[in-house]
Amino acid sequence: MAVTVFTGDDIREQRLGQPIDLAAQTPNLNINETFGNSITNVSIRGLGLNDYAVNNNPAAGIYIDEVYLVSPAMLGFQLFDLERVEVLKGPQGTLYGRNTTAGAMKFISRKPTEEYEGYLSADYGRYDHFILEGALGGKIAQGLTGRVAVQTSQRNDGFQLNRATGGKVGDIDRTAWRGLLNWKPSGALDILLNIHGGVDKSDTLLVKVDNSFTPEDDGIADPYSSAAGNDTELDNENYGVSLTVNLDLSDALTLTSVTGYEDYERSHDEDRDGSALVHLDGLFLNDIEQVSQELRLTYTGQEQYFPIVE
C-alpha cells in the first residue's frame, strides 16, 4: 500500500493550513478549489471528482478522526493540533469507512494525555496575515483526560483589487476549535468524545474574465485585479460531534464503534462576470446534515512460521 504521512510537526514546519496545501508535498495527489474557495475537490492518481455540486460524493474518502465527510463543501477545514495526516493511495474501504475508488485522506487529531501540556504559537506574514494557534490538555480525573485546541487565521489586506469599487479582495477570517474527552474506565474500554466547530467569513476571490458585454477589462492584463458589482464573501459555519468506542473483547479481537454527526451551513456570494454588471452574480446557500455509524471488528494475530523438514 502506498502511503504518505505527515506528522503534526511536519504540518507546522511546512505551514500547511488547509487540506489543499498537502497537494504540493504529496506525489500523485491533486487538490483544487473548483468553485471559488468554498468547494474543494481531491484526486489521487488521477481519479477524483471535478464538480462544484455539494451533493456529490468525493471519489477520494476524507476522514476526520474516522468520521467520513459526505460533501466536497466540507473539505475546506483548518489543519491544527493534529497528530498526523495519512494519504492512502488506491481503492480503500475494505478495513474501515466508505468504499472509495481513488483512495483516502485521514486527519487524526492529537489525543489527550495524562501529562499536562499545551502550546501557543503566532505567525505573521504578507498582506497583514496573522495566525494564532493554541492547545491545552491533561488529566482531569482518574481515567479521564481532556484537550482543547483553537486556531484563528486572519488576513486584513486582500491581494486582489476590485476595480468596480476600488476596494481590496482576499481577506481571510477563519476560526476553528476542538474539544476532546478521553475516558478509560478499564484497560479494555476506551471512549473518546470529540466536539468541534468553526466559522469562515472570508472573501470569495474575484474571477478574472474578459466580459464581452462591457469594455471594463479590455486591455487590462493585471491578474491581481478584476471587478465585481457586489461584495463577494463567504459565511460558512460547521459544528459536529463524534463518539469513538474501542472495546477489547480479547487479546486479538477489538470491537470499534464510530458515531458521528455533522452540521454544515454554507453561504457563498460571488460575481462570475468579472465586471460591475449584474450579469452572472450568484448566491449559493446550502444546509448539510449528516449522521453516520460504523461498527468494526478487528482481529490482530501473529504470523505462524513452520520449519521445512527435509
Protein backbone atom coordinates (compact mmCIF):
# COMPACT_ATOMS: atom_id res chain seq x y z
CA MET A 1 0.00 0.00 0.00
CA ALA A 2 1.37 3.43 -0.97
CA VAL A 3 1.01 5.80 1.99
CA THR A 4 2.25 9.36 2.58
CA VAL A 5 2.21 10.50 6.20
CA PHE A 6 2.62 13.98 7.70
CA THR A 7 3.20 14.36 11.42
CA GLY A 8 1.90 17.31 13.39
CA ASP A 9 5.41 18.77 13.41
CA ASP A 10 5.58 18.46 9.61
CA ILE A 11 2.33 20.39 9.24
CA ARG A 12 3.54 23.25 11.45
CA GLU A 13 7.04 23.44 9.96
CA GLN A 14 5.75 23.50 6.37
CA ARG A 15 2.94 25.96 7.21
CA LEU A 16 0.19 23.68 5.91
CA GLY A 17 -3.03 25.49 6.78
CA GLN A 18 -5.74 23.60 4.83
CA PRO A 19 -6.06 20.25 3.00
CA ILE A 20 -5.30 21.95 -0.34
CA ASP A 21 -1.76 22.70 0.92
CA LEU A 22 -0.95 18.98 1.20
CA ALA A 23 -1.03 18.50 -2.57
CA ALA A 24 2.24 20.39 -3.06
CA GLN A 25 4.03 17.91 -0.76
CA THR A 26 2.40 14.62 -1.84
CA PRO A 27 3.10 12.72 -5.09
CA ASN A 28 0.02 11.74 -7.12
CA LEU A 29 -2.28 13.93 -5.01
CA ASN A 30 -4.13 16.86 -6.58
CA ILE A 31 -6.44 19.19 -4.64
CA ASN A 32 -8.13 22.19 -6.21
CA GLU A 33 -10.86 24.65 -5.41
CA THR A 34 -13.29 24.34 -8.29
CA PHE A 35 -15.80 26.88 -7.03
CA GLY A 36 -14.09 29.98 -5.72
CA ASN A 37 -12.66 29.00 -2.35
CA SER A 38 -15.57 27.04 -0.85
CA ILE A 39 -15.64 23.75 -2.81
CA THR A 40 -12.57 21.51 -2.54
CA ASN A 41 -12.04 18.52 -4.86
CA VAL A 42 -9.47 15.79 -4.23
CA SER A 43 -7.94 13.48 -6.85
CA ILE A 44 -5.50 10.65 -6.15
CA ARG A 45 -3.57 9.03 -9.00
CA GLY A 46 -5.81 10.83 -11.49
CA LEU A 47 -9.08 9.58 -10.00
CA GLY A 48 -11.33 12.18 -8.48
CA LEU A 49 -14.30 14.47 -8.86
CA ASN A 50 -14.20 17.78 -10.73
CA ASP A 51 -17.57 19.29 -9.91
CA TYR A 52 -18.93 22.13 -7.80
CA ALA A 53 -22.19 20.46 -6.68
CA VAL A 54 -22.30 19.96 -2.92
CA ASN A 55 -24.38 16.76 -3.14
CA ASN A 56 -21.63 14.82 -4.92
CA ASN A 57 -19.68 12.17 -3.03
CA PRO A 58 -15.90 12.51 -3.47
CA ALA A 59 -14.05 9.65 -5.19
CA ALA A 60 -11.37 10.07 -2.51
CA GLY A 61 -12.62 9.49 1.02
CA ILE A 62 -11.89 12.23 3.54
CA TYR A 63 -11.99 11.28 7.23
CA ILE A 64 -11.57 13.44 10.33
CA ASP A 65 -10.98 11.25 13.38
CA GLU A 66 -12.50 8.29 11.47
CA VAL A 67 -15.72 10.14 10.50
CA TYR A 68 -16.29 10.22 6.73
CA LEU A 69 -17.29 13.61 5.25
CA VAL A 70 -20.03 13.32 2.64
CA SER A 71 -19.73 16.60 0.71
CA PRO A 72 -16.84 18.45 -1.02
CA ALA A 73 -18.17 21.66 0.56
CA MET A 74 -16.99 20.35 3.94
CA LEU A 75 -13.33 19.92 2.92
CA GLY A 76 -12.07 23.48 3.44
CA PHE A 77 -11.35 22.93 7.14
CA GLN A 78 -8.27 24.15 9.01
CA LEU A 79 -5.30 21.97 9.98
CA PHE A 80 -4.37 22.46 13.62
CA ASP A 81 -3.24 20.40 16.63
CA LEU A 82 -3.03 17.20 14.57
CA GLU A 83 -1.18 14.02 15.45
CA ARG A 84 -0.77 13.07 11.79
CA VAL A 85 -2.31 13.08 8.31
CA GLU A 86 -2.35 9.93 6.17
CA VAL A 87 -2.78 9.87 2.39
CA LEU A 88 -3.64 6.32 1.30
CA LYS A 89 -3.43 5.82 -2.45
CA GLY A 90 -5.59 3.36 -4.29
CA PRO A 91 -9.04 1.89 -3.56
CA GLN A 92 -9.95 1.93 0.16
CA GLY A 93 -12.83 0.79 2.29
CA THR A 94 -12.12 -2.90 2.93
CA LEU A 95 -10.98 -2.24 6.51
CA TYR A 96 -13.00 0.82 7.55
CA GLY A 97 -15.22 3.62 6.37
CA ARG A 98 -16.73 4.01 2.93
CA ASN A 99 -15.59 2.34 -0.30
CA THR A 100 -13.71 4.88 -2.42
CA THR A 101 -12.03 4.18 -5.75
CA ALA A 102 -9.28 6.83 -5.60
CA GLY A 103 -8.03 6.44 -2.04
CA ALA A 104 -8.42 8.15 1.30
CA MET A 105 -7.09 11.01 3.40
CA LYS A 106 -7.22 10.61 7.17
CA PHE A 107 -6.83 13.52 9.58
CA ILE A 108 -6.10 12.39 13.13
CA SER A 109 -6.30 14.89 15.99
CA ARG A 110 -3.80 14.91 18.84
CA LYS A 111 -5.30 12.93 21.70
CA PRO A 112 -5.33 13.97 25.38
CA THR A 113 -2.53 12.65 27.58
CA GLU A 114 -2.10 12.05 31.30
CA GLU A 115 0.59 14.75 31.45
CA TYR A 116 -0.42 18.40 31.42
CA GLU A 117 0.81 20.05 28.24
CA GLY A 118 0.00 22.93 25.96
CA TYR A 119 1.40 25.40 23.48
CA LEU A 120 0.69 28.78 21.92
CA SER A 121 2.08 29.91 18.58
CA ALA A 122 1.66 33.00 16.43
CA ASP A 123 2.64 33.72 12.82
CA TYR A 124 2.58 36.93 10.84
CA GLY A 125 3.07 37.27 7.09
CA ARG A 126 2.37 39.27 3.95
CA TYR A 127 -0.90 41.11 3.39
CA ASP A 128 -1.31 41.53 7.15
CA HIS A 129 -1.88 37.79 7.62
CA PHE A 130 -1.98 36.67 11.26
CA ILE A 131 -2.39 33.09 12.57
CA LEU A 132 -2.83 32.27 16.25
CA GLU A 133 -2.99 28.65 17.43
CA GLY A 134 -3.02 27.07 20.87
CA ALA A 135 -3.91 23.91 22.76
CA LEU A 136 -4.08 22.76 26.38
CA GLY A 137 -4.71 19.31 27.82
CA GLY A 138 -4.05 16.84 30.59
CA LYS A 139 -5.57 14.70 33.31
CA ILE A 140 -8.99 15.71 34.67
CA ALA A 141 -9.75 12.75 36.95
CA GLN A 142 -8.75 9.12 37.34
CA GLY A 143 -9.05 7.58 33.89
CA LEU A 144 -10.33 10.84 32.34
CA THR A 145 -8.24 13.22 30.22
CA GLY A 146 -9.15 16.21 28.08
CA ARG A 147 -7.75 18.56 25.49
CA VAL A 148 -8.95 21.80 23.87
CA ALA A 149 -7.43 23.42 20.78
CA VAL A 150 -8.23 26.50 18.71
CA GLN A 151 -6.84 28.26 15.65
CA THR A 152 -7.76 31.57 14.06
CA SER A 153 -6.45 32.79 10.69
CA GLN A 154 -6.94 36.45 9.81
CA ARG A 155 -5.81 38.41 6.75
CA ASN A 156 -6.88 42.04 6.63
CA ASP A 157 -5.25 43.19 3.39
CA GLY A 158 -6.50 41.44 0.25
CA PHE A 159 -4.21 40.85 -2.73
CA GLN A 160 -6.90 41.47 -5.39
CA LEU A 161 -8.22 44.87 -6.48
CA ASN A 162 -11.91 45.29 -7.24
CA ARG A 163 -11.85 47.90 -9.99
CA ALA A 164 -15.60 48.48 -9.69
CA THR A 165 -15.47 49.53 -6.05
CA GLY A 166 -11.79 50.34 -5.56
CA GLY A 167 -11.63 48.00 -2.55
CA LYS A 168 -9.30 45.08 -1.82
CA VAL A 169 -10.49 41.46 -2.01
CA GLY A 170 -8.84 38.47 -0.38
CA ASP A 171 -9.45 38.93 3.33
CA ILE A 172 -9.38 35.77 5.46
CA ASP A 173 -11.50 35.33 8.59
CA ARG A 174 -11.42 31.69 9.76
CA THR A 175 -11.65 30.28 13.27
CA ALA A 176 -11.90 26.63 14.31
CA TRP A 177 -11.90 24.84 17.65
CA ARG A 178 -11.94 21.31 19.03
CA GLY A 179 -12.56 19.72 22.44
CA LEU A 180 -11.67 16.11 23.30
CA LEU A 181 -12.57 13.97 26.31
CA ASN A 182 -10.94 10.55 26.63
CA TRP A 183 -12.32 8.15 29.26
CA LYS A 184 -10.63 4.83 30.05
CA PRO A 185 -12.65 3.18 32.81
CA SER A 186 -10.72 -0.06 32.35
CA GLY A 187 -7.86 -1.46 30.36
CA ALA A 188 -10.27 -2.97 27.84
CA LEU A 189 -12.52 0.06 27.20
CA ASP A 190 -11.56 3.37 25.59
CA ILE A 191 -14.15 6.11 24.90
CA LEU A 192 -13.29 9.30 23.02
CA LEU A 193 -15.73 12.24 22.69
CA ASN A 194 -14.90 14.84 20.04
CA ILE A 195 -16.80 18.15 19.88
CA HIS A 196 -15.71 20.63 17.22
CA GLY A 197 -16.79 23.60 15.11
CA GLY A 198 -15.67 26.52 13.02
CA VAL A 199 -16.65 29.60 11.04
CA ASP A 200 -15.33 31.03 7.76
CA LYS A 201 -16.28 34.58 6.79
CA SER A 202 -13.51 35.12 4.25
CA ASP A 203 -13.81 36.92 0.93
CA THR A 204 -14.73 35.00 -2.19
CA LEU A 205 -11.93 35.54 -4.70
CA LEU A 206 -12.71 37.51 -7.86
CA VAL A 207 -12.98 35.77 -11.21
CA LYS A 208 -10.66 37.02 -13.97
CA VAL A 209 -12.57 37.05 -17.29
CA ASP A 210 -12.93 39.29 -20.35
CA ASN A 211 -16.63 40.10 -20.37
CA SER A 212 -17.87 40.65 -23.93
CA PHE A 213 -20.79 42.78 -22.68
CA THR A 214 -18.58 45.56 -21.28
CA PRO A 215 -15.21 47.13 -22.19
CA GLU A 216 -14.17 47.34 -18.49
CA ASP A 217 -11.49 44.65 -18.77
CA ASP A 218 -10.28 45.43 -22.31
CA GLY A 219 -6.53 45.87 -22.44
CA ILE A 220 -6.02 45.14 -18.73
CA ALA A 221 -3.63 42.21 -18.20
CA ASP A 222 -3.20 42.50 -14.44
CA PRO A 223 -4.08 39.07 -12.93
CA TYR A 224 -4.46 40.63 -9.47
CA SER A 225 -7.38 42.86 -10.42
CA SER A 226 -10.90 42.22 -11.62
CA ALA A 227 -14.33 43.69 -10.99
CA ALA A 228 -17.45 42.78 -9.06
CA GLY A 229 -20.64 44.71 -8.52
CA ASN A 230 -21.40 43.03 -5.19
CA ASP A 231 -19.49 42.15 -2.02
CA THR A 232 -18.07 38.68 -2.64
CA GLU A 233 -17.89 36.80 0.63
CA LEU A 234 -18.42 33.56 2.50
CA ASP A 235 -20.48 32.91 5.60
CA ASN A 236 -19.87 29.25 6.45
CA GLU A 237 -20.41 27.53 9.79
CA ASN A 238 -19.89 23.95 10.87
CA TYR A 239 -20.47 22.08 14.12
CA GLY A 240 -20.08 18.41 14.88
CA VAL A 241 -19.64 15.70 17.47
CA SER A 242 -18.29 12.17 17.31
CA LEU A 243 -18.05 9.31 19.78
CA THR A 244 -15.46 6.57 19.25
CA VAL A 245 -15.60 3.48 21.47
CA ASN A 246 -12.95 0.75 21.42
CA LEU A 247 -13.67 -2.44 23.38
CA ASP A 248 -11.07 -5.20 23.60
CA LEU A 249 -13.03 -8.46 23.55
CA SER A 250 -9.79 -10.44 23.84
CA ASP A 251 -6.11 -10.06 23.16
CA ALA A 252 -6.83 -10.49 19.44
CA LEU A 253 -10.33 -9.03 18.95
CA THR A 254 -11.34 -5.35 19.21
CA LEU A 255 -14.85 -4.00 18.60
CA THR A 256 -14.95 -0.35 17.45
CA SER A 257 -17.96 1.93 17.18
CA VAL A 258 -17.69 5.34 15.46
CA THR A 259 -20.76 7.56 15.72
CA GLY A 260 -20.69 10.96 14.03
CA TYR A 261 -22.93 13.97 13.49
CA GLU A 262 -22.02 16.97 11.31
CA ASP A 263 -23.96 20.15 10.56
CA TYR A 264 -22.61 22.46 7.86
CA GLU A 265 -24.18 25.71 6.63
CA ARG A 266 -22.72 27.39 3.55
CA SER A 267 -23.37 30.84 2.13
CA HIS A 268 -21.27 31.68 -0.93
CA ASP A 269 -21.75 35.06 -2.65
CA GLU A 270 -19.73 35.71 -5.80
CA ASP A 271 -19.58 37.64 -9.07
CA ARG A 272 -18.59 35.45 -12.04
CA ASP A 273 -18.83 38.03 -14.84
CA GLY A 274 -15.72 39.97 -13.82
CA SER A 275 -17.44 43.32 -14.16
CA ALA A 276 -19.75 45.78 -12.40
CA LEU A 277 -22.69 44.39 -14.42
CA VAL A 278 -25.41 42.41 -12.67
CA HIS A 279 -24.84 39.62 -15.13
CA LEU A 280 -23.62 36.38 -13.53
CA ASP A 281 -23.84 37.20 -9.85
CA GLY A 282 -24.59 34.17 -7.71
CA LEU A 283 -25.61 33.38 -4.14
CA PHE A 284 -25.37 29.74 -3.09
CA LEU A 285 -26.99 28.56 0.13
CA ASN A 286 -26.61 25.01 1.46
CA ASP A 287 -27.53 23.25 4.67
CA ILE A 288 -25.79 19.87 5.01
CA GLU A 289 -26.56 17.48 7.83
CA GLN A 290 -25.06 14.03 8.17
CA VAL A 291 -25.37 11.19 10.68
CA SER A 292 -23.01 8.23 10.42
CA GLN A 293 -22.49 4.99 12.32
CA GLU A 294 -19.72 2.47 11.78
CA LEU A 295 -19.14 -0.83 13.57
CA ARG A 296 -15.83 -2.56 13.03
CA LEU A 297 -14.46 -5.84 14.36
CA THR A 298 -10.68 -6.09 14.16
CA TYR A 299 -8.62 -9.23 14.56
CA THR A 300 -4.93 -8.88 15.32
CA GLY A 301 -2.85 -12.03 15.03
CA GLN A 302 0.70 -13.17 14.53
CA GLU A 303 2.03 -14.98 11.51
CA GLN A 304 2.91 -18.60 12.11
CA TYR A 305 6.14 -19.94 10.65
CA PHE A 306 6.59 -23.65 10.18
CA PRO A 307 10.06 -25.10 9.60
CA ILE A 308 10.64 -27.16 6.50
CA VAL A 309 11.77 -30.65 7.39
CA GLU A 310 13.74 -32.47 4.76
